[in-house]
Structures are given as C-alpha cells and as structure tokens.
Amino acid sequence: MNFMIDDMKESDWQQVSDIYLEGIRTGIATFETDVPNWDDWDAGHLKTGRLVARYGDSVLGWAALTPYSNRCIYAGVAEESIYISPSHKGKGIGKALLSALIKKSEESGFWTLQAGIISDNAISIALHERCGFRIVGIREKIGKSIDGIWTDVVLMERRSEINMSYD
C-alpha cells in the first residue's frame, strides 16, 4: 500500500477521532473513555509533530506530541501518542508514522520522547522498541481499564542522538 506521511489538518479530525475511538474500544490503547472535541484535543497537543498516514483522502493512522510539563526545563521532552486504524495494522504504517514523528521531534529540538503504554498492548511496546525506545519502568495498577480492572503502564523513552550533548 502506498501511503504518505503528512501533517495533520483540522479537516482530518473526523477520521482521526474515529481512529482514536477505535483505539478506546480496544481497551488497551488508552484509559480515555471518550474522544475529545477538536478544540480540546488541539489545546492539549503541541502544534509541531501532528502527523497522519494518508492514502488518498483516507487517514489510516495518526501520531502526535503532548508536552511533558509546562516547566521550561522540560521544554525538550514530549509524550507521544500513535494510533493506527485496526483495518490497516500490520502494513508498516505504525513504524513509518513513529519514525516520522521522531524525525519531526528532533527537528523541533526535542531530546526525549516518552510513551506510557498499557502493559497488555504488546504490539505497541514492540513497535516502540523497533523505533529505539527502551523500557524505563512500570507503573503498577496506575489506571483502570474500561472494564474496571486495575492496569499497569509500561513507561518507555527514546533519547535523541542528535539533540543530546553532554559536553
């Protein structure tokens, strides 16, 4: 499948939110129970690093960055999210999106990307490992799944080799 990675536009929101809702329904993509409206989602995400995988007029998946903290010392740290439509998983879209998001984050001066992944989401954990993330910890029983079961979250991070200098 020939898809392209493109900047997310507000006009993509309906398809992006549909994919987000599909992720919510899996019970292993997020602890969120509802998709926010565009204005709320837009306010919570960085303007840089909003990407979609596009095939023609169809959005197949998306990735975005949120600030880790509003404290200036953490200006180079962001949390990333990635969602792929279930009907398009296993086609390399996740790796292409996450790789493009990493590149975009480094071009924007980020030195660390973090991800919090529900421990049952083995596919997402493996994707992140393939893209250079490492497990840095487990937050035990940090949130309840949609069925009310306490669930662990795997904390992963990726340090930029471009934007890290210890000189």
N, C-alpha and C. Protein backbone atom coordinates (compact mmCIF):
# COMPACT_ATOMS: atom_id res chain seq x y z
N MET A 1 0.85 -1.18 0.00
CA MET A 1 0.00 0.00 0.00
C MET A 1 0.89 1.24 0.00
N ASN A 2 0.63 2.14 -0.90
CA ASN A 2 1.39 3.38 -0.99
C ASN A 2 0.68 4.48 -0.23
N PHE A 3 1.10 4.70 1.00
CA PHE A 3 0.54 5.78 1.80
C PHE A 3 1.61 6.84 1.97
N MET A 4 1.20 8.01 2.39
CA MET A 4 2.17 9.08 2.66
C MET A 4 1.98 9.59 4.07
N ILE A 5 3.06 10.07 4.66
CA ILE A 5 3.00 10.72 5.96
C ILE A 5 2.86 12.21 5.70
N ASP A 6 1.90 12.82 6.36
CA ASP A 6 1.55 14.21 6.09
C ASP A 6 1.23 14.90 7.41
N ASP A 7 1.29 16.22 7.41
CA ASP A 7 0.87 16.97 8.59
C ASP A 7 -0.63 16.83 8.77
N MET A 8 -1.04 16.68 10.02
CA MET A 8 -2.46 16.60 10.34
C MET A 8 -3.08 17.99 10.16
N LYS A 9 -4.26 17.99 9.58
CA LYS A 9 -5.02 19.23 9.41
C LYS A 9 -6.31 19.13 10.24
N GLU A 10 -6.86 20.26 10.58
CA GLU A 10 -8.13 20.24 11.31
C GLU A 10 -9.19 19.47 10.52
N SER A 11 -9.13 19.56 9.21
CA SER A 11 -10.11 18.84 8.37
C SER A 11 -9.96 17.31 8.47
N ASP A 12 -8.85 16.83 9.03
CA ASP A 12 -8.65 15.39 9.25
C ASP A 12 -9.32 14.90 10.53
N TRP A 13 -9.80 15.85 11.35
CA TRP A 13 -10.23 15.50 12.70
C TRP A 13 -11.28 14.39 12.74
N GLN A 14 -12.26 14.39 11.86
CA GLN A 14 -13.29 13.36 11.93
C GLN A 14 -12.68 11.98 11.79
N GLN A 15 -11.79 11.79 10.82
CA GLN A 15 -11.16 10.48 10.64
C GLN A 15 -10.20 10.17 11.78
N VAL A 16 -9.45 11.18 12.24
CA VAL A 16 -8.54 10.99 13.38
C VAL A 16 -9.33 10.58 14.61
N SER A 17 -10.43 11.26 14.87
CA SER A 17 -11.23 10.93 16.06
C SER A 17 -11.88 9.56 15.94
N ASP A 18 -12.24 9.15 14.72
CA ASP A 18 -12.78 7.79 14.52
C ASP A 18 -11.74 6.74 14.87
N ILE A 19 -10.50 6.96 14.44
CA ILE A 19 -9.41 6.03 14.76
C ILE A 19 -9.14 6.03 16.26
N TYR A 20 -9.18 7.20 16.87
CA TYR A 20 -8.99 7.31 18.32
C TYR A 20 -10.08 6.50 19.05
N LEU A 21 -11.33 6.64 18.60
CA LEU A 21 -12.43 5.90 19.22
C LEU A 21 -12.23 4.39 19.07
N GLU A 22 -11.74 3.96 17.90
CA GLU A 22 -11.44 2.53 17.72
C GLU A 22 -10.40 2.08 18.74
N GLY A 23 -9.40 2.93 18.99
CA GLY A 23 -8.39 2.60 20.00
C GLY A 23 -8.98 2.52 21.39
N ILE A 24 -9.86 3.46 21.73
CA ILE A 24 -10.52 3.44 23.04
C ILE A 24 -11.26 2.12 23.22
N ARG A 25 -11.95 1.70 22.19
CA ARG A 25 -12.78 0.49 22.28
C ARG A 25 -11.97 -0.79 22.45
N THR A 26 -10.67 -0.77 22.08
CA THR A 26 -9.85 -1.97 22.29
C THR A 26 -9.60 -2.24 23.76
N GLY A 27 -9.63 -1.18 24.57
CA GLY A 27 -9.35 -1.33 26.00
C GLY A 27 -7.88 -1.39 26.33
N ILE A 28 -6.99 -1.37 25.32
CA ILE A 28 -5.55 -1.44 25.60
C ILE A 28 -4.77 -0.29 24.98
N ALA A 29 -5.46 0.70 24.42
CA ALA A 29 -4.76 1.81 23.78
C ALA A 29 -4.69 3.04 24.67
N THR A 30 -5.66 3.22 25.54
CA THR A 30 -5.73 4.42 26.37
C THR A 30 -6.70 4.18 27.52
N PHE A 31 -6.57 4.98 28.56
CA PHE A 31 -7.55 4.94 29.65
C PHE A 31 -8.71 5.89 29.38
N GLU A 32 -8.59 6.70 28.33
CA GLU A 32 -9.69 7.60 27.98
C GLU A 32 -10.93 6.79 27.65
N THR A 33 -12.08 7.36 27.92
CA THR A 33 -13.34 6.67 27.61
C THR A 33 -14.12 7.39 26.52
N ASP A 34 -13.74 8.63 26.23
CA ASP A 34 -14.41 9.41 25.19
C ASP A 34 -13.37 10.16 24.37
N VAL A 35 -13.70 10.41 23.12
CA VAL A 35 -12.86 11.23 22.26
C VAL A 35 -13.20 12.69 22.53
N PRO A 36 -12.20 13.52 22.77
CA PRO A 36 -12.49 14.95 22.98
C PRO A 36 -12.93 15.61 21.67
N ASN A 37 -13.46 16.81 21.79
CA ASN A 37 -13.75 17.57 20.57
C ASN A 37 -12.44 18.16 20.06
N TRP A 38 -12.47 18.68 18.84
CA TRP A 38 -11.26 19.21 18.22
C TRP A 38 -10.60 20.28 19.08
N ASP A 39 -11.37 21.23 19.59
CA ASP A 39 -10.79 22.34 20.34
C ASP A 39 -10.02 21.86 21.57
N ASP A 40 -10.59 20.91 22.29
CA ASP A 40 -9.91 20.38 23.48
C ASP A 40 -8.66 19.59 23.08
N TRP A 41 -8.78 18.75 22.06
CA TRP A 41 -7.63 17.98 21.61
C TRP A 41 -6.53 18.92 21.13
N ASP A 42 -6.89 19.91 20.34
CA ASP A 42 -5.94 20.88 19.79
C ASP A 42 -5.20 21.62 20.90
N ALA A 43 -5.93 22.02 21.93
CA ALA A 43 -5.32 22.76 23.04
C ALA A 43 -4.34 21.90 23.84
N GLY A 44 -4.54 20.60 23.86
CA GLY A 44 -3.70 19.72 24.66
C GLY A 44 -2.49 19.16 23.94
N HIS A 45 -2.36 19.42 22.65
CA HIS A 45 -1.26 18.85 21.87
C HIS A 45 -0.38 19.95 21.29
N LEU A 46 0.89 19.62 21.15
CA LEU A 46 1.82 20.57 20.56
C LEU A 46 1.47 20.81 19.09
N LYS A 47 1.77 21.99 18.61
CA LYS A 47 1.47 22.32 17.21
C LYS A 47 2.42 21.58 16.27
N THR A 48 3.62 21.29 16.73
CA THR A 48 4.57 20.50 15.93
C THR A 48 4.33 19.03 16.21
N GLY A 49 4.62 18.20 15.24
CA GLY A 49 4.53 16.76 15.47
C GLY A 49 3.11 16.24 15.49
N ARG A 50 2.27 16.72 14.61
CA ARG A 50 0.92 16.17 14.42
C ARG A 50 0.91 15.57 13.02
N LEU A 51 0.92 14.27 12.95
CA LEU A 51 1.09 13.61 11.65
C LEU A 51 -0.04 12.61 11.40
N VAL A 52 -0.32 12.41 10.13
CA VAL A 52 -1.24 11.35 9.72
C VAL A 52 -0.59 10.52 8.63
N ALA A 53 -1.00 9.27 8.55
CA ALA A 53 -0.67 8.42 7.40
C ALA A 53 -1.90 8.51 6.50
N ARG A 54 -1.66 8.90 5.26
CA ARG A 54 -2.76 9.19 4.36
C ARG A 54 -2.65 8.34 3.10
N TYR A 55 -3.78 7.82 2.67
CA TYR A 55 -3.88 7.13 1.38
C TYR A 55 -5.06 7.77 0.66
N GLY A 56 -4.74 8.59 -0.33
CA GLY A 56 -5.78 9.37 -0.99
C GLY A 56 -6.43 10.31 0.01
N ASP A 57 -7.75 10.20 0.16
CA ASP A 57 -8.48 11.03 1.13
C ASP A 57 -8.66 10.35 2.47
N SER A 58 -8.11 9.16 2.62
CA SER A 58 -8.32 8.39 3.85
C SER A 58 -7.14 8.52 4.81
N VAL A 59 -7.45 8.75 6.08
CA VAL A 59 -6.46 8.74 7.14
C VAL A 59 -6.41 7.32 7.70
N LEU A 60 -5.20 6.73 7.69
CA LEU A 60 -5.02 5.34 8.12
C LEU A 60 -4.52 5.25 9.56
N GLY A 61 -3.92 6.32 10.04
CA GLY A 61 -3.38 6.37 11.39
C GLY A 61 -2.88 7.76 11.68
N TRP A 62 -2.58 8.02 12.94
CA TRP A 62 -2.08 9.34 13.32
C TRP A 62 -1.13 9.24 14.50
N ALA A 63 -0.33 10.28 14.65
CA ALA A 63 0.60 10.38 15.78
C ALA A 63 0.70 11.86 16.17
N ALA A 64 0.93 12.11 17.45
CA ALA A 64 1.00 13.49 17.91
C ALA A 64 1.83 13.57 19.20
N LEU A 65 2.27 14.78 19.49
CA LEU A 65 3.06 15.06 20.68
C LEU A 65 2.26 15.91 21.66
N THR A 66 2.44 15.62 22.94
CA THR A 66 1.91 16.48 24.00
C THR A 66 3.08 16.90 24.88
N PRO A 67 2.98 18.07 25.48
CA PRO A 67 4.08 18.49 26.35
C PRO A 67 4.16 17.60 27.59
N TYR A 68 5.38 17.30 28.00
CA TYR A 68 5.57 16.52 29.21
C TYR A 68 5.25 17.37 30.44
N SER A 69 5.65 18.61 30.40
CA SER A 69 5.46 19.52 31.53
C SER A 69 5.47 20.95 30.99
N ASN A 70 4.87 21.87 31.73
CA ASN A 70 4.94 23.28 31.32
C ASN A 70 6.16 23.98 31.92
N ARG A 71 6.96 23.27 32.71
CA ARG A 71 8.18 23.84 33.27
C ARG A 71 9.23 23.94 32.16
N CYS A 72 9.90 25.07 32.08
CA CYS A 72 10.82 25.33 30.97
C CYS A 72 11.97 24.33 30.90
N ILE A 73 12.38 23.77 32.01
CA ILE A 73 13.48 22.80 32.00
C ILE A 73 13.15 21.56 31.18
N TYR A 74 11.85 21.26 31.02
CA TYR A 74 11.41 20.09 30.27
C TYR A 74 10.95 20.44 28.85
N ALA A 75 11.37 21.58 28.35
CA ALA A 75 10.91 22.04 27.03
C ALA A 75 11.29 21.06 25.91
N GLY A 76 12.31 20.25 26.11
CA GLY A 76 12.74 19.30 25.08
C GLY A 76 12.23 17.89 25.29
N VAL A 77 11.22 17.75 26.15
CA VAL A 77 10.65 16.44 26.44
C VAL A 77 9.17 16.45 26.06
N ALA A 78 8.75 15.44 25.33
CA ALA A 78 7.34 15.34 24.94
C ALA A 78 6.87 13.90 25.09
N GLU A 79 5.59 13.76 25.27
CA GLU A 79 4.97 12.44 25.26
C GLU A 79 4.34 12.25 23.89
N GLU A 80 4.47 11.06 23.36
CA GLU A 80 3.90 10.81 22.04
C GLU A 80 2.75 9.82 22.13
N SER A 81 1.84 9.97 21.17
CA SER A 81 0.72 9.05 21.01
C SER A 81 0.67 8.61 19.56
N ILE A 82 0.30 7.36 19.34
CA ILE A 82 0.17 6.85 17.98
C ILE A 82 -1.00 5.88 17.93
N TYR A 83 -1.82 6.03 16.92
CA TYR A 83 -2.99 5.19 16.73
C TYR A 83 -3.09 4.80 15.26
N ILE A 84 -3.32 3.54 15.00
CA ILE A 84 -3.48 3.03 13.64
C ILE A 84 -4.87 2.41 13.55
N SER A 85 -5.57 2.68 12.45
CA SER A 85 -6.87 2.06 12.24
C SER A 85 -6.71 0.55 12.26
N PRO A 86 -7.55 -0.17 12.98
CA PRO A 86 -7.42 -1.63 13.05
C PRO A 86 -7.43 -2.30 11.68
N SER A 87 -8.12 -1.71 10.72
CA SER A 87 -8.17 -2.32 9.39
C SER A 87 -6.88 -2.11 8.60
N HIS A 88 -5.94 -1.34 9.15
CA HIS A 88 -4.68 -1.09 8.45
C HIS A 88 -3.45 -1.46 9.25
N LYS A 89 -3.64 -2.22 10.33
CA LYS A 89 -2.49 -2.66 11.13
C LYS A 89 -1.70 -3.72 10.37
N GLY A 90 -0.41 -3.79 10.67
CA GLY A 90 0.45 -4.80 10.06
C GLY A 90 0.93 -4.45 8.67
N LYS A 91 0.79 -3.18 8.27
CA LYS A 91 1.20 -2.76 6.93
C LYS A 91 2.37 -1.78 6.95
N GLY A 92 3.02 -1.64 8.11
CA GLY A 92 4.16 -0.74 8.22
C GLY A 92 3.80 0.71 8.50
N ILE A 93 2.52 0.99 8.70
CA ILE A 93 2.08 2.36 8.93
C ILE A 93 2.58 2.87 10.28
N GLY A 94 2.50 2.05 11.30
CA GLY A 94 2.94 2.47 12.62
C GLY A 94 4.41 2.84 12.65
N LYS A 95 5.24 1.99 12.05
CA LYS A 95 6.68 2.27 12.03
C LYS A 95 6.98 3.53 11.22
N ALA A 96 6.29 3.71 10.09
CA ALA A 96 6.51 4.91 9.27
C ALA A 96 6.08 6.16 10.03
N LEU A 97 4.94 6.11 10.69
CA LEU A 97 4.45 7.27 11.44
C LEU A 97 5.36 7.60 12.62
N LEU A 98 5.72 6.58 13.40
CA LEU A 98 6.55 6.83 14.58
C LEU A 98 7.94 7.31 14.16
N SER A 99 8.49 6.76 13.11
CA SER A 99 9.80 7.22 12.61
C SER A 99 9.73 8.68 12.16
N ALA A 100 8.65 9.04 11.46
CA ALA A 100 8.48 10.42 11.01
C ALA A 100 8.27 11.36 12.20
N LEU A 101 7.56 10.89 13.21
CA LEU A 101 7.34 11.71 14.41
C LEU A 101 8.66 11.94 15.14
N ILE A 102 9.49 10.91 15.23
CA ILE A 102 10.81 11.06 15.85
C ILE A 102 11.63 12.11 15.10
N LYS A 103 11.65 11.99 13.78
CA LYS A 103 12.40 12.95 12.96
C LYS A 103 11.88 14.37 13.17
N LYS A 104 10.57 14.53 13.16
CA LYS A 104 9.96 15.85 13.34
C LYS A 104 10.28 16.40 14.73
N SER A 105 10.26 15.52 15.74
CA SER A 105 10.56 15.98 17.11
C SER A 105 12.01 16.44 17.21
N GLU A 106 12.92 15.71 16.58
CA GLU A 106 14.33 16.10 16.62
C GLU A 106 14.56 17.41 15.87
N GLU A 107 13.89 17.59 14.75
CA GLU A 107 14.00 18.86 14.01
C GLU A 107 13.48 20.03 14.84
N SER A 108 12.58 19.74 15.77
CA SER A 108 11.99 20.77 16.63
C SER A 108 12.74 20.93 17.95
N GLY A 109 13.86 20.21 18.12
CA GLY A 109 14.70 20.38 19.29
C GLY A 109 14.39 19.49 20.48
N PHE A 110 13.53 18.49 20.31
CA PHE A 110 13.23 17.60 21.42
C PHE A 110 14.37 16.60 21.61
N TRP A 111 14.74 16.36 22.85
CA TRP A 111 15.81 15.41 23.14
C TRP A 111 15.27 14.10 23.75
N THR A 112 14.03 14.12 24.22
CA THR A 112 13.45 12.90 24.78
C THR A 112 11.99 12.79 24.40
N LEU A 113 11.61 11.61 23.93
CA LEU A 113 10.20 11.28 23.73
C LEU A 113 9.85 10.19 24.72
N GLN A 114 8.67 10.33 25.31
CA GLN A 114 8.20 9.35 26.27
C GLN A 114 6.89 8.75 25.78
N ALA A 115 6.63 7.54 26.22
CA ALA A 115 5.36 6.88 25.93
C ALA A 115 4.95 6.10 27.17
N GLY A 116 3.68 6.15 27.49
CA GLY A 116 3.09 5.32 28.53
C GLY A 116 2.14 4.36 27.85
N ILE A 117 2.45 3.08 27.86
CA ILE A 117 1.69 2.09 27.09
C ILE A 117 1.08 1.07 28.04
N ILE A 118 -0.21 0.84 27.90
CA ILE A 118 -0.88 -0.16 28.72
C ILE A 118 -0.16 -1.50 28.50
N SER A 119 0.16 -2.17 29.60
CA SER A 119 1.04 -3.35 29.54
C SER A 119 0.50 -4.47 28.65
N ASP A 120 -0.79 -4.55 28.43
CA ASP A 120 -1.35 -5.58 27.56
C ASP A 120 -1.17 -5.26 26.08
N ASN A 121 -0.68 -4.08 25.75
CA ASN A 121 -0.54 -3.66 24.35
C ASN A 121 0.85 -4.04 23.83
N ALA A 122 1.07 -5.34 23.68
CA ALA A 122 2.38 -5.87 23.27
C ALA A 122 2.80 -5.35 21.89
N ILE A 123 1.84 -5.15 20.99
CA ILE A 123 2.18 -4.68 19.64
C ILE A 123 2.76 -3.27 19.71
N SER A 124 2.18 -2.40 20.52
CA SER A 124 2.69 -1.04 20.64
C SER A 124 4.06 -1.02 21.32
N ILE A 125 4.23 -1.84 22.34
CA ILE A 125 5.53 -1.92 23.01
C ILE A 125 6.60 -2.37 22.02
N ALA A 126 6.31 -3.39 21.22
CA ALA A 126 7.27 -3.88 20.23
C ALA A 126 7.57 -2.82 19.18
N LEU A 127 6.56 -2.11 18.73
CA LEU A 127 6.77 -1.02 17.75
C LEU A 127 7.72 0.01 18.32
N HIS A 128 7.49 0.43 19.54
CA HIS A 128 8.34 1.44 20.15
C HIS A 128 9.77 0.94 20.29
N GLU A 129 9.94 -0.32 20.67
CA GLU A 129 11.29 -0.88 20.77
C GLU A 129 11.98 -0.87 19.41
N ARG A 130 11.25 -1.22 18.34
CA ARG A 130 11.83 -1.20 16.99
C ARG A 130 12.24 0.20 16.57
N CYS A 131 11.62 1.21 17.17
CA CYS A 131 11.94 2.61 16.81
C CYS A 131 12.88 3.26 17.82
N GLY A 132 13.55 2.45 18.63
CA GLY A 132 14.60 2.97 19.50
C GLY A 132 14.17 3.37 20.91
N PHE A 133 12.95 3.07 21.30
CA PHE A 133 12.51 3.33 22.68
C PHE A 133 12.97 2.19 23.56
N ARG A 134 13.16 2.48 24.82
CA ARG A 134 13.51 1.44 25.78
C ARG A 134 12.57 1.53 26.98
N ILE A 135 12.36 0.43 27.62
CA ILE A 135 11.51 0.41 28.82
C ILE A 135 12.32 0.99 29.97
N VAL A 136 11.74 1.98 30.65
CA VAL A 136 12.42 2.59 31.79
C VAL A 136 11.69 2.32 33.11
N GLY A 137 10.52 1.70 33.02
CA GLY A 137 9.81 1.36 34.25
C GLY A 137 8.40 0.88 33.99
N ILE A 138 7.78 0.46 35.07
CA ILE A 138 6.39 0.02 35.05
C ILE A 138 5.66 0.78 36.15
N ARG A 139 4.56 1.38 35.80
CA ARG A 139 3.69 1.99 36.82
C ARG A 139 2.59 0.98 37.09
N GLU A 140 2.65 0.39 38.28
CA GLU A 140 1.75 -0.70 38.62
C GLU A 140 0.37 -0.19 39.00
N LYS A 141 -0.64 -0.82 38.40
CA LYS A 141 -2.03 -0.53 38.72
C LYS A 141 -2.29 0.98 38.79
N ILE A 142 -1.86 1.68 37.75
CA ILE A 142 -1.95 3.15 37.71
C ILE A 142 -3.31 3.64 37.23
N GLY A 143 -4.02 2.81 36.49
CA GLY A 143 -5.34 3.22 35.99
C GLY A 143 -6.22 2.01 35.78
N LYS A 144 -7.53 2.30 35.68
CA LYS A 144 -8.49 1.22 35.46
C LYS A 144 -8.85 1.14 33.99
N SER A 145 -8.91 -0.10 33.51
CA SER A 145 -9.33 -0.33 32.13
C SER A 145 -10.83 -0.03 32.01
N ILE A 146 -11.34 -0.07 30.79
CA ILE A 146 -12.76 0.21 30.61
C ILE A 146 -13.66 -0.81 31.32
N ASP A 147 -13.09 -2.00 31.65
CA ASP A 147 -13.88 -2.98 32.42
C ASP A 147 -13.68 -2.83 33.93
N GLY A 148 -12.95 -1.76 34.35
CA GLY A 148 -12.76 -1.52 35.77
C GLY A 148 -11.63 -2.30 36.40
N ILE A 149 -10.75 -2.88 35.59
CA ILE A 149 -9.62 -3.67 36.11
C ILE A 149 -8.40 -2.77 36.22
N TRP A 150 -7.74 -2.80 37.39
CA TRP A 150 -6.52 -2.03 37.56
C TRP A 150 -5.45 -2.55 36.61
N THR A 151 -4.76 -1.63 35.95
CA THR A 151 -3.85 -1.98 34.86
C THR A 151 -2.50 -1.30 35.02
N ASP A 152 -1.45 -2.01 34.64
CA ASP A 152 -0.10 -1.46 34.65
C ASP A 152 0.16 -0.69 33.35
N VAL A 153 1.07 0.27 33.44
CA VAL A 153 1.52 1.03 32.28
C VAL A 153 3.04 0.90 32.16
N VAL A 154 3.50 0.55 30.97
CA VAL A 154 4.92 0.44 30.68
C VAL A 154 5.41 1.83 30.26
N LEU A 155 6.41 2.34 30.95
CA LEU A 155 6.99 3.63 30.61
C LEU A 155 8.17 3.39 29.68
N MET A 156 8.14 4.08 28.54
CA MET A 156 9.21 3.93 27.56
C MET A 156 9.73 5.31 27.19
N GLU A 157 11.00 5.37 26.81
CA GLU A 157 11.56 6.64 26.35
C GLU A 157 12.56 6.40 25.24
N ARG A 158 12.73 7.45 24.47
CA ARG A 158 13.73 7.44 23.41
C ARG A 158 14.49 8.74 23.52
N ARG A 159 15.81 8.62 23.65
CA ARG A 159 16.68 9.79 23.71
C ARG A 159 17.23 10.07 22.32
N SER A 160 17.17 11.33 21.92
CA SER A 160 17.70 11.73 20.63
C SER A 160 19.22 11.68 20.66
N GLU A 161 19.81 11.10 19.63
CA GLU A 161 21.26 11.14 19.49
C GLU A 161 21.70 12.46 18.88
N ILE A 162 20.78 13.15 18.25
CA ILE A 162 21.09 14.44 17.61
C ILE A 162 21.08 15.57 18.64
N ASN A 163 20.08 15.56 19.51
CA ASN A 163 19.89 16.69 20.42
C ASN A 163 20.41 16.45 21.83
N MET A 164 21.20 15.43 22.01
CA MET A 164 21.80 15.16 23.33
C MET A 164 23.29 15.43 23.26
N SER A 165 23.73 16.34 24.07
CA SER A 165 25.16 16.63 24.14
C SER A 165 25.52 16.79 25.61
N TYR A 166 26.51 16.06 26.05
CA TYR A 166 26.95 16.13 27.44
C TYR A 166 28.28 16.85 27.56
N ASP A 167 28.65 17.63 26.54
CA ASP A 167 29.93 18.36 26.59
C ASP A 167 29.84 19.55 27.51
